[in-house]
Amino acid sequence: MKKLAEPLGVGCGCMLGALVRYTCVSFLASFLLAEIIILVVNLSGCFLFGIFKAAFSTNKVRQKFLTTGFCGGLTTFSTLMLGSTTLFLQQRIFWGVAYLVLTLLLGICAVYFGKKLGQIKRS
């Protein structure tokens, strides 16, 4: 049973992350462009990934549930590629490049700062 804890945790976390992403996109779709929503969701997921990776370094099952599972289901590389391709096909080259560059650079920053925040010792 112990061998199943990690893969089941990842699967459950992924389901929860995907549901959160779906809810965010569905709720905000009438207010913002889908690409903006996905950018914010991806950056939030990167930030949370950093926090979870650092904060749960001693509990691998919980860490995998939150990082590989929840954050993996929440963030969407395939959606990033679809959004970029759509912008390029619409001849919106500037926005396609901006979307890719912002997602990558801000994603790296979000993971870094999330990791730093997750390492803060609470007294």
PDB file of N, CA and C in Angstrom:
ATOM      1  N   MET A   1       0.823  -1.199   0.000  1.00  0.00           N
ATOM      2  CA  MET A   1       0.000   0.000   0.000  1.00  0.00           C
ATOM      3  C   MET A   1       0.861   1.254   0.000  1.00  0.00           C
ATOM      4  N   LYS A   2       2.009   1.194   0.696  1.00  0.00           N
ATOM      5  CA  LYS A   2       2.894   2.348   0.772  1.00  0.00           C
ATOM      6  C   LYS A   2       3.432   2.726  -0.611  1.00  0.00           C
ATOM      7  N   LYS A   3       3.656   1.729  -1.468  1.00  0.00           N
ATOM      8  CA  LYS A   3       4.148   1.985  -2.820  1.00  0.00           C
ATOM      9  C   LYS A   3       3.131   2.742  -3.663  1.00  0.00           C
ATOM     10  N   LEU A   4       1.852   2.614  -3.326  1.00  0.00           N
ATOM     11  CA  LEU A   4       0.798   3.285  -4.083  1.00  0.00           C
ATOM     12  C   LEU A   4       0.568   4.727  -3.642  1.00  0.00           C
ATOM     13  N   ALA A   5       1.067   5.102  -2.477  1.00  0.00           N
ATOM     14  CA  ALA A   5       0.785   6.433  -1.935  1.00  0.00           C
ATOM     15  C   ALA A   5       1.255   7.546  -2.867  1.00  0.00           C
ATOM     16  N   GLU A   6       2.462   7.433  -3.382  1.00  0.00           N
ATOM     17  CA  GLU A   6       2.991   8.502  -4.231  1.00  0.00           C
ATOM     18  C   GLU A   6       2.245   8.623  -5.556  1.00  0.00           C
ATOM     19  N   PRO A   7       2.074   7.537  -6.331  1.00  0.00           N
ATOM     20  CA  PRO A   7       1.346   7.702  -7.597  1.00  0.00           C
ATOM     21  C   PRO A   7      -0.120   8.101  -7.409  1.00  0.00           C
ATOM     22  N   LEU A   8      -0.763   7.588  -6.375  1.00  0.00           N
ATOM     23  CA  LEU A   8      -2.151   8.004  -6.118  1.00  0.00           C
ATOM     24  C   LEU A   8      -2.206   9.466  -5.702  1.00  0.00           C
ATOM     25  N   GLY A   9      -1.237   9.895  -4.921  1.00  0.00           N
ATOM     26  CA  GLY A   9      -1.164  11.301  -4.523  1.00  0.00           C
ATOM     27  C   GLY A   9      -0.962  12.206  -5.722  1.00  0.00           C
ATOM     28  N   VAL A  10      -0.079  11.813  -6.619  1.00  0.00           N
ATOM     29  CA  VAL A  10       0.162  12.608  -7.831  1.00  0.00           C
ATOM     30  C   VAL A  10      -1.115  12.688  -8.666  1.00  0.00           C
ATOM     31  N   GLY A  11      -1.794  11.556  -8.837  1.00  0.00           N
ATOM     32  CA  GLY A  11      -3.035  11.548  -9.621  1.00  0.00           C
ATOM     33  C   GLY A  11      -4.122  12.413  -9.016  1.00  0.00           C
ATOM     34  N   CYS A  12      -4.298  12.319  -7.707  1.00  0.00           N
ATOM     35  CA  CYS A  12      -5.318  13.141  -7.027  1.00  0.00           C
ATOM     36  C   CYS A  12      -4.950  14.615  -7.077  1.00  0.00           C
ATOM     37  N   GLY A  13      -3.665  14.914  -6.870  1.00  0.00           N
ATOM     38  CA  GLY A  13      -3.215  16.304  -6.941  1.00  0.00           C
ATOM     39  C   GLY A  13      -3.410  16.878  -8.333  1.00  0.00           C
ATOM     40  N   CYS A  14      -3.120  16.082  -9.346  1.00  0.00           N
ATOM     41  CA  CYS A  14      -3.292  16.519 -10.735  1.00  0.00           C
ATOM     42  C   CYS A  14      -4.756  16.833 -11.031  1.00  0.00           C
ATOM     43  N   MET A  15      -5.637  15.978 -10.547  1.00  0.00           N
ATOM     44  CA  MET A  15      -7.069  16.210 -10.742  1.00  0.00           C
ATOM     45  C   MET A  15      -7.488  17.532 -10.095  1.00  0.00           C
ATOM     46  N   LEU A  16      -7.039  17.764  -8.882  1.00  0.00           N
ATOM     47  CA  LEU A  16      -7.384  19.009  -8.189  1.00  0.00           C
ATOM     48  C   LEU A  16      -6.816  20.225  -8.914  1.00  0.00           C
ATOM     49  N   GLY A  17      -5.575  20.130  -9.350  1.00  0.00           N
ATOM     50  CA  GLY A  17      -4.956  21.234 -10.083  1.00  0.00           C
ATOM     51  C   GLY A  17      -5.693  21.541 -11.373  1.00  0.00           C
ATOM     52  N   ALA A  18      -6.076  20.502 -12.100  1.00  0.00           N
ATOM     53  CA  ALA A  18      -6.819  20.698 -13.356  1.00  0.00           C
ATOM     54  C   ALA A  18      -8.183  21.318 -13.090  1.00  0.00           C
ATOM     55  N   LEU A  19      -8.828  20.917 -12.010  1.00  0.00           N
ATOM     56  CA  LEU A  19     -10.125  21.507 -11.663  1.00  0.00           C
ATOM     57  C   LEU A  19      -9.984  22.980 -11.290  1.00  0.00           C
ATOM     58  N   VAL A  20      -8.925  23.323 -10.584  1.00  0.00           N
ATOM     59  CA  VAL A  20      -8.690  24.729 -10.245  1.00  0.00           C
ATOM     60  C   VAL A  20      -8.439  25.538 -11.512  1.00  0.00           C
ATOM     61  N   ARG A  21      -7.614  24.998 -12.424  1.00  0.00           N
ATOM     62  CA  ARG A  21      -7.349  25.696 -13.687  1.00  0.00           C
ATOM     63  C   ARG A  21      -8.633  25.882 -14.475  1.00  0.00           C
ATOM     64  N   TYR A  22      -9.407  24.829 -14.607  1.00  0.00           N
ATOM     65  CA  TYR A  22     -10.665  24.897 -15.353  1.00  0.00           C
ATOM     66  C   TYR A  22     -11.601  25.946 -14.750  1.00  0.00           C
ATOM     67  N   THR A  23     -11.698  25.969 -13.427  1.00  0.00           N
ATOM     68  CA  THR A  23     -12.570  26.921 -12.744  1.00  0.00           C
ATOM     69  C   THR A  23     -12.093  28.356 -12.980  1.00  0.00           C
ATOM     70  N   CYS A  24     -10.792  28.580 -12.882  1.00  0.00           N
ATOM     71  CA  CYS A  24     -10.253  29.923 -13.119  1.00  0.00           C
ATOM     72  C   CYS A  24     -10.535  30.392 -14.541  1.00  0.00           C
ATOM     73  N   VAL A  25     -10.248  29.535 -15.504  1.00  0.00           N
ATOM     74  CA  VAL A  25     -10.465  29.901 -16.908  1.00  0.00           C
ATOM     75  C   VAL A  25     -11.946  30.131 -17.171  1.00  0.00           C
ATOM     76  N   SER A  26     -12.799  29.261 -16.680  1.00  0.00           N
ATOM     77  CA  SER A  26     -14.243  29.399 -16.902  1.00  0.00           C
ATOM     78  C   SER A  26     -14.789  30.673 -16.269  1.00  0.00           C
ATOM     79  N   PHE A  27     -14.361  30.963 -15.054  1.00  0.00           N
ATOM     80  CA  PHE A  27     -14.872  32.123 -14.335  1.00  0.00           C
ATOM     81  C   PHE A  27     -14.389  33.433 -14.944  1.00  0.00           C
ATOM     82  N   LEU A  28     -13.131  33.478 -15.364  1.00  0.00           N
ATOM     83  CA  LEU A  28     -12.537  34.726 -15.846  1.00  0.00           C
ATOM     84  C   LEU A  28     -12.641  34.931 -17.354  1.00  0.00           C
ATOM     85  N   ALA A  29     -13.151  33.951 -18.082  1.00  0.00           N
ATOM     86  CA  ALA A  29     -13.176  34.014 -19.549  1.00  0.00           C
ATOM     87  C   ALA A  29     -13.942  35.217 -20.082  1.00  0.00           C
ATOM     88  N   SER A  30     -14.954  35.661 -19.379  1.00  0.00           N
ATOM     89  CA  SER A  30     -15.733  36.797 -19.881  1.00  0.00           C
ATOM     90  C   SER A  30     -15.056  38.134 -19.570  1.00  0.00           C
ATOM     91  N   PHE A  31     -14.002  38.118 -18.746  1.00  0.00           N
ATOM     92  CA  PHE A  31     -13.327  39.352 -18.366  1.00  0.00           C
ATOM     93  C   PHE A  31     -11.985  39.557 -19.055  1.00  0.00           C
ATOM     94  N   LEU A  32     -11.286  38.459 -19.332  1.00  0.00           N
ATOM     95  CA  LEU A  32      -9.916  38.552 -19.833  1.00  0.00           C
ATOM     96  C   LEU A  32      -9.694  37.604 -21.008  1.00  0.00           C
ATOM     97  N   LEU A  33      -8.653  37.886 -21.801  1.00  0.00           N
ATOM     98  CA  LEU A  33      -8.244  36.965 -22.857  1.00  0.00           C
ATOM     99  C   LEU A  33      -7.795  35.652 -22.231  1.00  0.00           C
ATOM    100  N   ALA A  34      -8.082  34.567 -22.900  1.00  0.00           N
ATOM    101  CA  ALA A  34      -7.700  33.246 -22.392  1.00  0.00           C
ATOM    102  C   ALA A  34      -6.196  33.166 -22.150  1.00  0.00           C
ATOM    103  N   GLU A  35      -5.396  33.764 -23.030  1.00  0.00           N
ATOM    104  CA  GLU A  35      -3.946  33.712 -22.876  1.00  0.00           C
ATOM    105  C   GLU A  35      -3.489  34.416 -21.597  1.00  0.00           C
ATOM    106  N   ILE A  36      -4.140  35.512 -21.237  1.00  0.00           N
ATOM    107  CA  ILE A  36      -3.794  36.229 -20.007  1.00  0.00           C
ATOM    108  C   ILE A  36      -4.131  35.368 -18.793  1.00  0.00           C
ATOM    109  N   ILE A  37      -5.279  34.731 -18.832  1.00  0.00           N
ATOM    110  CA  ILE A  37      -5.697  33.865 -17.723  1.00  0.00           C
ATOM    111  C   ILE A  37      -4.703  32.724 -17.551  1.00  0.00           C
ATOM    112  N   ILE A  38      -4.351  32.067 -18.653  1.00  0.00           N
ATOM    113  CA  ILE A  38      -3.420  30.941 -18.588  1.00  0.00           C
ATOM    114  C   ILE A  38      -2.046  31.419 -18.117  1.00  0.00           C
ATOM    115  N   LEU A  39      -1.616  32.604 -18.551  1.00  0.00           N
ATOM    116  CA  LEU A  39      -0.350  33.156 -18.092  1.00  0.00           C
ATOM    117  C   LEU A  39      -0.363  33.312 -16.569  1.00  0.00           C
ATOM    118  N   VAL A  40      -1.432  33.902 -16.028  1.00  0.00           N
ATOM    119  CA  VAL A  40      -1.534  34.106 -14.578  1.00  0.00           C
ATOM    120  C   VAL A  40      -1.604  32.765 -13.847  1.00  0.00           C
ATOM    121  N   VAL A  41      -2.375  31.823 -14.374  1.00  0.00           N
ATOM    122  CA  VAL A  41      -2.471  30.503 -13.752  1.00  0.00           C
ATOM    123  C   VAL A  41      -1.103  29.807 -13.783  1.00  0.00           C
ATOM    124  N   ASN A  42      -0.402  29.874 -14.912  1.00  0.00           N
ATOM    125  CA  ASN A  42       0.912  29.246 -15.017  1.00  0.00           C
ATOM    126  C   ASN A  42       1.913  29.871 -14.049  1.00  0.00           C
ATOM    127  N   LEU A  43       1.904  31.200 -13.949  1.00  0.00           N
ATOM    128  CA  LEU A  43       2.821  31.868 -13.034  1.00  0.00           C
ATOM    129  C   LEU A  43       2.491  31.537 -11.585  1.00  0.00           C
ATOM    130  N   SER A  44       1.218  31.490 -11.265  1.00  0.00           N
ATOM    131  CA  SER A  44       0.803  31.107  -9.907  1.00  0.00           C
ATOM    132  C   SER A  44       1.248  29.681  -9.606  1.00  0.00           C
ATOM    133  N   GLY A  45       1.078  28.788 -10.567  1.00  0.00           N
ATOM    134  CA  GLY A  45       1.510  27.404 -10.396  1.00  0.00           C
ATOM    135  C   GLY A  45       3.010  27.295 -10.204  1.00  0.00           C
ATOM    136  N   CYS A  46       3.778  28.094 -10.949  1.00  0.00           N
ATOM    137  CA  CYS A  46       5.237  28.097 -10.789  1.00  0.00           C
ATOM    138  C   CYS A  46       5.616  28.574  -9.391  1.00  0.00           C
ATOM    139  N   PHE A  47       4.964  29.627  -8.926  1.00  0.00           N
ATOM    140  CA  PHE A  47       5.234  30.168  -7.588  1.00  0.00           C
ATOM    141  C   PHE A  47       4.906  29.130  -6.520  1.00  0.00           C
ATOM    142  N   LEU A  48       3.733  28.517  -6.638  1.00  0.00           N
ATOM    143  CA  LEU A  48       3.335  27.486  -5.682  1.00  0.00           C
ATOM    144  C   LEU A  48       4.279  26.292  -5.732  1.00  0.00           C
ATOM    145  N   PHE A  49       4.728  25.918  -6.933  1.00  0.00           N
ATOM    146  CA  PHE A  49       5.671  24.813  -7.088  1.00  0.00           C
ATOM    147  C   PHE A  49       6.923  25.080  -6.266  1.00  0.00           C
ATOM    148  N   GLY A  50       7.452  26.291  -6.377  1.00  0.00           N
ATOM    149  CA  GLY A  50       8.640  26.643  -5.609  1.00  0.00           C
ATOM    150  C   GLY A  50       8.407  26.545  -4.112  1.00  0.00           C
ATOM    151  N   ILE A  51       7.274  27.065  -3.656  1.00  0.00           N
ATOM    152  CA  ILE A  51       6.941  26.992  -2.230  1.00  0.00           C
ATOM    153  C   ILE A  51       6.837  25.545  -1.780  1.00  0.00           C
ATOM    154  N   PHE A  52       6.065  24.744  -2.511  1.00  0.00           N
ATOM    155  CA  PHE A  52       5.833  23.348  -2.117  1.00  0.00           C
ATOM    156  C   PHE A  52       7.120  22.524  -2.150  1.00  0.00           C
ATOM    157  N   LYS A  53       7.950  22.768  -3.149  1.00  0.00           N
ATOM    158  CA  LYS A  53       9.203  22.012  -3.284  1.00  0.00           C
ATOM    159  C   LYS A  53      10.093  22.252  -2.073  1.00  0.00           C
ATOM    160  N   ALA A  54      10.165  23.509  -1.637  1.00  0.00           N
ATOM    161  CA  ALA A  54      11.019  23.842  -0.494  1.00  0.00           C
ATOM    162  C   ALA A  54      10.370  23.472   0.834  1.00  0.00           C
ATOM    163  N   ALA A  55       9.100  23.765   0.977  1.00  0.00           N
ATOM    164  CA  ALA A  55       8.426  23.601   2.268  1.00  0.00           C
ATOM    165  C   ALA A  55       8.198  22.136   2.639  1.00  0.00           C
ATOM    166  N   PHE A  56       8.087  21.264   1.647  1.00  0.00           N
ATOM    167  CA  PHE A  56       7.790  19.856   1.927  1.00  0.00           C
ATOM    168  C   PHE A  56       8.933  18.939   1.508  1.00  0.00           C
ATOM    169  N   SER A  57      10.160  19.424   1.638  1.00  0.00           N
ATOM    170  CA  SER A  57      11.317  18.640   1.195  1.00  0.00           C
ATOM    171  C   SER A  57      11.515  17.365   2.019  1.00  0.00           C
ATOM    172  N   THR A  58      10.980  17.317   3.226  1.00  0.00           N
ATOM    173  CA  THR A  58      11.156  16.120   4.055  1.00  0.00           C
ATOM    174  C   THR A  58      10.005  15.125   3.929  1.00  0.00           C
ATOM    175  N   ASN A  59       8.935  15.505   3.246  1.00  0.00           N
ATOM    176  CA  ASN A  59       7.796  14.605   3.069  1.00  0.00           C
ATOM    177  C   ASN A  59       7.561  14.419   1.568  1.00  0.00           C
ATOM    178  N   LYS A  60       8.192  13.385   1.008  1.00  0.00           N
ATOM    179  CA  LYS A  60       8.174  13.189  -0.445  1.00  0.00           C
ATOM    180  C   LYS A  60       6.777  12.925  -1.007  1.00  0.00           C
ATOM    181  N   VAL A  61       5.938  12.212  -0.275  1.00  0.00           N
ATOM    182  CA  VAL A  61       4.585  11.928  -0.777  1.00  0.00           C
ATOM    183  C   VAL A  61       3.794  13.225  -0.872  1.00  0.00           C
ATOM    184  N   ARG A  62       3.834  14.029   0.168  1.00  0.00           N
ATOM    185  CA  ARG A  62       3.116  15.317   0.155  1.00  0.00           C
ATOM    186  C   ARG A  62       3.706  16.248  -0.897  1.00  0.00           C
ATOM    187  N   GLN A  63       5.041  16.252  -1.010  1.00  0.00           N
ATOM    188  CA  GLN A  63       5.695  17.096  -1.998  1.00  0.00           C
ATOM    189  C   GLN A  63       5.269  16.709  -3.416  1.00  0.00           C
ATOM    190  N   LYS A  64       5.245  15.414  -3.722  1.00  0.00           N
ATOM    191  CA  LYS A  64       4.835  14.952  -5.062  1.00  0.00           C
ATOM    192  C   LYS A  64       3.360  15.261  -5.323  1.00  0.00           C
ATOM    193  N   PHE A  65       2.515  15.105  -4.304  1.00  0.00           N
ATOM    194  CA  PHE A  65       1.091  15.446  -4.438  1.00  0.00           C
ATOM    195  C   PHE A  65       0.942  16.903  -4.849  1.00  0.00           C
ATOM    196  N   LEU A  66       1.701  17.783  -4.192  1.00  0.00           N
ATOM    197  CA  LEU A  66       1.555  19.219  -4.430  1.00  0.00           C
ATOM    198  C   LEU A  66       2.306  19.713  -5.664  1.00  0.00           C
ATOM    199  N   THR A  67       3.501  19.160  -5.941  1.00  0.00           N
ATOM    200  CA  THR A  67       4.299  19.663  -7.067  1.00  0.00           C
ATOM    201  C   THR A  67       3.936  18.959  -8.374  1.00  0.00           C
ATOM    202  N   THR A  68       4.314  17.698  -8.491  1.00  0.00           N
ATOM    203  CA  THR A  68       4.034  16.951  -9.726  1.00  0.00           C
ATOM    204  C   THR A  68       2.531  16.842  -9.967  1.00  0.00           C
ATOM    205  N   GLY A  69       1.779  16.599  -8.896  1.00  0.00           N
ATOM    206  CA  GLY A  69       0.335  16.445  -9.025  1.00  0.00           C
ATOM    207  C   GLY A  69      -0.395  17.759  -9.208  1.00  0.00           C
ATOM    208  N   PHE A  70      -0.584  18.498  -8.106  1.00  0.00           N
ATOM    209  CA  PHE A  70      -1.403  19.718  -8.159  1.00  0.00           C
ATOM    210  C   PHE A  70      -0.860  20.748  -9.141  1.00  0.00           C
ATOM    211  N   CYS A  71       0.431  21.101  -8.996  1.00  0.00           N
ATOM    212  CA  CYS A  71       1.004  22.119  -9.884  1.00  0.00           C
ATOM    213  C   CYS A  71       1.098  21.626 -11.327  1.00  0.00           C
ATOM    214  N   GLY A  72       1.349  20.331 -11.501  1.00  0.00           N
ATOM    215  CA  GLY A  72       1.379  19.764 -12.849  1.00  0.00           C
ATOM    216  C   GLY A  72       0.012  19.833 -13.525  1.00  0.00           C
ATOM    217  N   GLY A  73      -1.053  19.600 -12.754  1.00  0.00           N
ATOM    218  CA  GLY A  73      -2.404  19.716 -13.302  1.00  0.00           C
ATOM    219  C   GLY A  73      -2.833  21.159 -13.485  1.00  0.00           C
ATOM    220  N   LEU A  74      -2.321  22.035 -12.637  1.00  0.00           N
ATOM    221  CA  LEU A  74      -2.684  23.446 -12.697  1.00  0.00           C
ATOM    222  C   LEU A  74      -2.028  24.164 -13.864  1.00  0.00           C
ATOM    223  N   THR A  75      -0.746  23.939 -14.052  1.00  0.00           N
ATOM    224  CA  THR A  75      -0.016  24.631 -15.116  1.00  0.00           C
ATOM    225  C   THR A  75      -0.165  23.875 -16.424  1.00  0.00           C
ATOM    226  N   THR A  76       0.008  24.577 -17.519  1.00  0.00           N
ATOM    227  CA  THR A  76      -0.397  23.999 -18.798  1.00  0.00           C
ATOM    228  C   THR A  76       0.556  24.343 -19.932  1.00  0.00           C
ATOM    229  N   PHE A  77       1.580  23.541 -20.100  1.00  0.00           N
ATOM    230  CA  PHE A  77       2.491  23.797 -21.205  1.00  0.00           C
ATOM    231  C   PHE A  77       1.792  23.619 -22.549  1.00  0.00           C
ATOM    232  N   SER A  78       0.953  22.606 -22.668  1.00  0.00           N
ATOM    233  CA  SER A  78       0.254  22.404 -23.941  1.00  0.00           C
ATOM    234  C   SER A  78      -0.678  23.576 -24.247  1.00  0.00           C
ATOM    235  N   THR A  79      -1.303  24.128 -23.238  1.00  0.00           N
ATOM    236  CA  THR A  79      -2.159  25.292 -23.445  1.00  0.00           C
ATOM    237  C   THR A  79      -1.321  26.513 -23.805  1.00  0.00           C
ATOM    238  N   LEU A  80      -0.138  26.625 -23.226  1.00  0.00           N
ATOM    239  CA  LEU A  80       0.794  27.700 -23.579  1.00  0.00           C
ATOM    240  C   LEU A  80       1.133  27.621 -25.065  1.00  0.00           C
ATOM    241  N   MET A  81       1.431  26.433 -25.535  1.00  0.00           N
ATOM    242  CA  MET A  81       1.783  26.261 -26.944  1.00  0.00           C
ATOM    243  C   MET A  81       0.591  26.545 -27.863  1.00  0.00           C
ATOM    244  N   LEU A  82      -0.596  26.104 -27.456  1.00  0.00           N
ATOM    245  CA  LEU A  82      -1.791  26.373 -28.250  1.00  0.00           C
ATOM    246  C   LEU A  82      -2.056  27.869 -28.333  1.00  0.00           C
ATOM    247  N   GLY A  83      -1.960  28.555 -27.198  1.00  0.00           N
ATOM    248  CA  GLY A  83      -2.190  30.003 -27.184  1.00  0.00           C
ATOM    249  C   GLY A  83      -1.186  30.737 -28.051  1.00  0.00           C
ATOM    250  N   SER A  84       0.070  30.335 -27.976  1.00  0.00           N
ATOM    251  CA  SER A  84       1.113  30.966 -28.789  1.00  0.00           C
ATOM    252  C   SER A  84       0.867  30.727 -30.273  1.00  0.00           C
ATOM    253  N   THR A  85       0.581  29.490 -30.630  1.00  0.00           N
ATOM    254  CA  THR A  85       0.315  29.156 -32.029  1.00  0.00           C
ATOM    255  C   THR A  85      -0.883  29.938 -32.558  1.00  0.00           C
ATOM    256  N   THR A  86      -1.921  30.036 -31.749  1.00  0.00           N
ATOM    257  CA  THR A  86      -3.115  30.789 -32.154  1.00  0.00           C
ATOM    258  C   THR A  86      -2.759  32.246 -32.431  1.00  0.00           C
ATOM    259  N   LEU A  87      -1.994  32.856 -31.551  1.00  0.00           N
ATOM    260  CA  LEU A  87      -1.597  34.253 -31.751  1.00  0.00           C
ATOM    261  C   LEU A  87      -0.752  34.405 -33.017  1.00  0.00           C
ATOM    262  N   PHE A  88       0.174  33.476 -33.247  1.00  0.00           N
ATOM    263  CA  PHE A  88       1.003  33.549 -34.452  1.00  0.00           C
ATOM    264  C   PHE A  88       0.161  33.382 -35.716  1.00  0.00           C
ATOM    265  N   LEU A  89      -0.780  32.446 -35.698  1.00  0.00           N
ATOM    266  CA  LEU A  89      -1.637  32.222 -36.866  1.00  0.00           C
ATOM    267  C   LEU A  89      -2.559  33.411 -37.135  1.00  0.00           C
ATOM    268  N   GLN A  90      -2.866  34.168 -36.109  1.00  0.00           N
ATOM    269  CA  GLN A  90      -3.681  35.373 -36.258  1.00  0.00           C
ATOM    270  C   GLN A  90      -2.826  36.582 -36.652  1.00  0.00           C
ATOM    271  N   GLN A  91      -1.561  36.331 -36.954  1.00  0.00           N
ATOM    272  CA  GLN A  91      -0.614  37.382 -37.330  1.00  0.00           C
ATOM    273  C   GLN A  91      -0.373  38.383 -36.196  1.00  0.00           C
ATOM    274  N   ARG A  92      -0.561  37.948 -34.972  1.00  0.00           N
ATOM    275  CA  ARG A  92      -0.300  38.783 -33.801  1.00  0.00           C
ATOM    276  C   ARG A  92       1.056  38.361 -33.233  1.00  0.00           C
ATOM    277  N   ILE A  93       2.081  38.566 -34.047  1.00  0.00           N
ATOM    278  CA  ILE A  93       3.425  38.078 -33.746  1.00  0.00           C
ATOM    279  C   ILE A  93       3.965  38.684 -32.443  1.00  0.00           C
ATOM    280  N   PHE A  94       3.823  40.002 -32.288  1.00  0.00           N
ATOM    281  CA  PHE A  94       4.318  40.650 -31.072  1.00  0.00           C
ATOM    282  C   PHE A  94       3.721  40.006 -29.831  1.00  0.00           C
ATOM    283  N   TRP A  95       2.401  39.800 -29.831  1.00  0.00           N
ATOM    284  CA  TRP A  95       1.738  39.234 -28.653  1.00  0.00           C
ATOM    285  C   TRP A  95       2.109  37.765 -28.442  1.00  0.00           C
ATOM    286  N   GLY A  96       2.328  37.042 -29.519  1.00  0.00           N
ATOM    287  CA  GLY A  96       2.761  35.652 -29.395  1.00  0.00           C
ATOM    288  C   GLY A  96       4.137  35.542 -28.749  1.00  0.00           C
ATOM    289  N   VAL A  97       5.059  36.376 -29.218  1.00  0.00           N
ATOM    290  CA  VAL A  97       6.409  36.379 -28.642  1.00  0.00           C
ATOM    291  C   VAL A  97       6.364  36.882 -27.198  1.00  0.00           C
ATOM    292  N   ALA A  98       5.625  37.950 -26.953  1.00  0.00           N
ATOM    293  CA  ALA A  98       5.513  38.504 -25.596  1.00  0.00           C
ATOM    294  C   ALA A  98       4.948  37.456 -24.640  1.00  0.00           C
ATOM    295  N   TYR A  99       3.938  36.741 -25.087  1.00  0.00           N
ATOM    296  CA  TYR A  99       3.308  35.701 -24.262  1.00  0.00           C
ATOM    297  C   TYR A  99       4.310  34.613 -23.894  1.00  0.00           C
ATOM    298  N   LEU A 100       5.086  34.149 -24.869  1.00  0.00           N
ATOM    299  CA  LEU A 100       6.092  33.114 -24.602  1.00  0.00           C
ATOM    300  C   LEU A 100       7.198  33.621 -23.680  1.00  0.00           C
ATOM    301  N   VAL A 101       7.743  34.791 -23.988  1.00  0.00           N
ATOM    302  CA  VAL A 101       8.855  35.325 -23.207  1.00  0.00           C
ATOM    303  C   VAL A 101       8.415  35.621 -21.780  1.00  0.00           C
ATOM    304  N   LEU A 102       7.258  36.273 -21.625  1.00  0.00           N
ATOM    305  CA  LEU A 102       6.766  36.584 -20.277  1.00  0.00           C
ATOM    306  C   LEU A 102       6.512  35.317 -19.472  1.00  0.00           C
ATOM    307  N   THR A 103       5.905  34.330 -20.100  1.00  0.00           N
ATOM    308  CA  THR A 103       5.621  33.089 -19.386  1.00  0.00           C
ATOM    309  C   THR A 103       6.904  32.417 -18.921  1.00  0.00           C
ATOM    310  N   LEU A 104       7.897  32.344 -19.795  1.00  0.00           N
ATOM    311  CA  LEU A 104       9.148  31.675 -19.428  1.00  0.00           C
ATOM    312  C   LEU A 104       9.942  32.458 -18.384  1.00  0.00           C
ATOM    313  N   LEU A 105      10.159  33.732 -18.618  1.00  0.00           N
ATOM    314  CA  LEU A 105      10.966  34.517 -17.685  1.00  0.00           C
ATOM    315  C   LEU A 105      10.267  34.711 -16.341  1.00  0.00           C
ATOM    316  N   LEU A 106       8.995  35.076 -16.374  1.00  0.00           N
ATOM    317  CA  LEU A 106       8.272  35.276 -15.118  1.00  0.00           C
ATOM    318  C   LEU A 106       8.046  33.949 -14.403  1.00  0.00           C
ATOM    319  N   GLY A 107       7.919  32.859 -15.165  1.00  0.00           N
ATOM    320  CA  GLY A 107       7.780  31.532 -14.556  1.00  0.00           C
ATOM    321  C   GLY A 107       9.027  31.151 -13.775  1.00  0.00           C
ATOM    322  N   ILE A 108      10.190  31.419 -14.339  1.00  0.00           N
ATOM    323  CA  ILE A 108      11.449  31.150 -13.641  1.00  0.00           C
ATOM    324  C   ILE A 108      11.523  31.992 -12.365  1.00  0.00           C
ATOM    325  N   CYS A 109      11.175  33.261 -12.474  1.00  0.00           N
ATOM    326  CA  CYS A 109      11.182  34.144 -11.296  1.00  0.00           C
ATOM    327  C   CYS A 109      10.190  33.655 -10.244  1.00  0.00           C
ATOM    328  N   ALA A 110       9.020  33.231 -10.683  1.00  0.00           N
ATOM    329  CA  ALA A 110       7.996  32.770  -9.735  1.00  0.00           C
ATOM    330  C   ALA A 110       8.461  31.530  -8.980  1.00  0.00           C
ATOM    331  N   VAL A 111       9.086  30.577  -9.683  1.00  0.00           N
ATOM    332  CA  VAL A 111       9.601  29.383  -8.999  1.00  0.00           C
ATOM    333  C   VAL A 111      10.697  29.784  -8.008  1.00  0.00           C
ATOM    334  N   TYR A 112      11.595  30.649  -8.419  1.00  0.00           N
ATOM    335  CA  TYR A 112      12.692  31.079  -7.553  1.00  0.00           C
ATOM    336  C   TYR A 112      12.149  31.728  -6.275  1.00  0.00           C
ATOM    337  N   PHE A 113      11.257  32.707  -6.420  1.00  0.00           N
ATOM    338  CA  PHE A 113      10.738  33.399  -5.240  1.00  0.00           C
ATOM    339  C   PHE A 113       9.826  32.505  -4.401  1.00  0.00           C
ATOM    340  N   GLY A 114       9.106  31.617  -5.049  1.00  0.00           N
ATOM    341  CA  GLY A 114       8.304  30.654  -4.300  1.00  0.00           C
ATOM    342  C   GLY A 114       9.176  29.737  -3.474  1.00  0.00           C
ATOM    343  N   LYS A 115      10.289  29.300  -4.056  1.00  0.00           N
ATOM    344  CA  LYS A 115      11.217  28.442  -3.321  1.00  0.00           C
ATOM    345  C   LYS A 115      11.822  29.176  -2.122  1.00  0.00           C
ATOM    346  N   LYS A 116      12.188  30.431  -2.330  1.00  0.00           N
ATOM    347  CA  LYS A 116      12.740  31.227  -1.236  1.00  0.00           C
ATOM    348  C   LYS A 116      11.698  31.391  -0.122  1.00  0.00           C
ATOM    349  N   LEU A 117      10.470  31.675  -0.490  1.00  0.00           N
ATOM    350  CA  LEU A 117       9.406  31.834   0.499  1.00  0.00           C
ATOM    351  C   LEU A 117       9.149  30.520   1.229  1.00  0.00           C
ATOM    352  N   GLY A 118       9.173  29.422   0.512  1.00  0.00           N
ATOM    353  CA  GLY A 118       8.940  28.112   1.112  1.00  0.00           C
ATOM    354  C   GLY A 118      10.044  27.689   2.070  1.00  0.00           C
ATOM    355  N   GLN A 119      11.228  28.269   1.945  1.00  0.00           N
ATOM    356  CA  GLN A 119      12.346  27.926   2.821  1.00  0.00           C
ATOM    357  C   GLN A 119      12.361  28.716   4.122  1.00  0.00           C
ATOM    358  N   ILE A 120      11.519  29.721   4.219  1.00  0.00           N
ATOM    359  CA  ILE A 120      11.476  30.533   5.444  1.00  0.00           C
ATOM    360  C   ILE A 120      11.043  29.663   6.603  1.00  0.00           C
ATOM    361  N   LYS A 121      11.825  29.693   7.650  1.00  0.00           N
ATOM    362  CA  LYS A 121      11.506  28.902   8.844  1.00  0.00           C
ATOM    363  C   LYS A 121      10.479  29.660   9.674  1.00  0.00           C
ATOM    364  N   ARG A 122       9.443  28.961  10.058  1.00  0.00           N
ATOM    365  CA  ARG A 122       8.415  29.554  10.898  1.00  0.00           C
ATOM    366  C   ARG A 122       8.711  29.183  12.356  1.00  0.00           C
ATOM    367  N   SER A 123       8.606  30.163  13.238  1.00  0.00           N
ATOM    368  CA  SER A 123       8.899  29.868  14.645  1.00  0.00           C
ATOM    369  C   SER A 123       7.637  29.695  15.454  1.00  0.00           C
TER     370      SER A 123
END
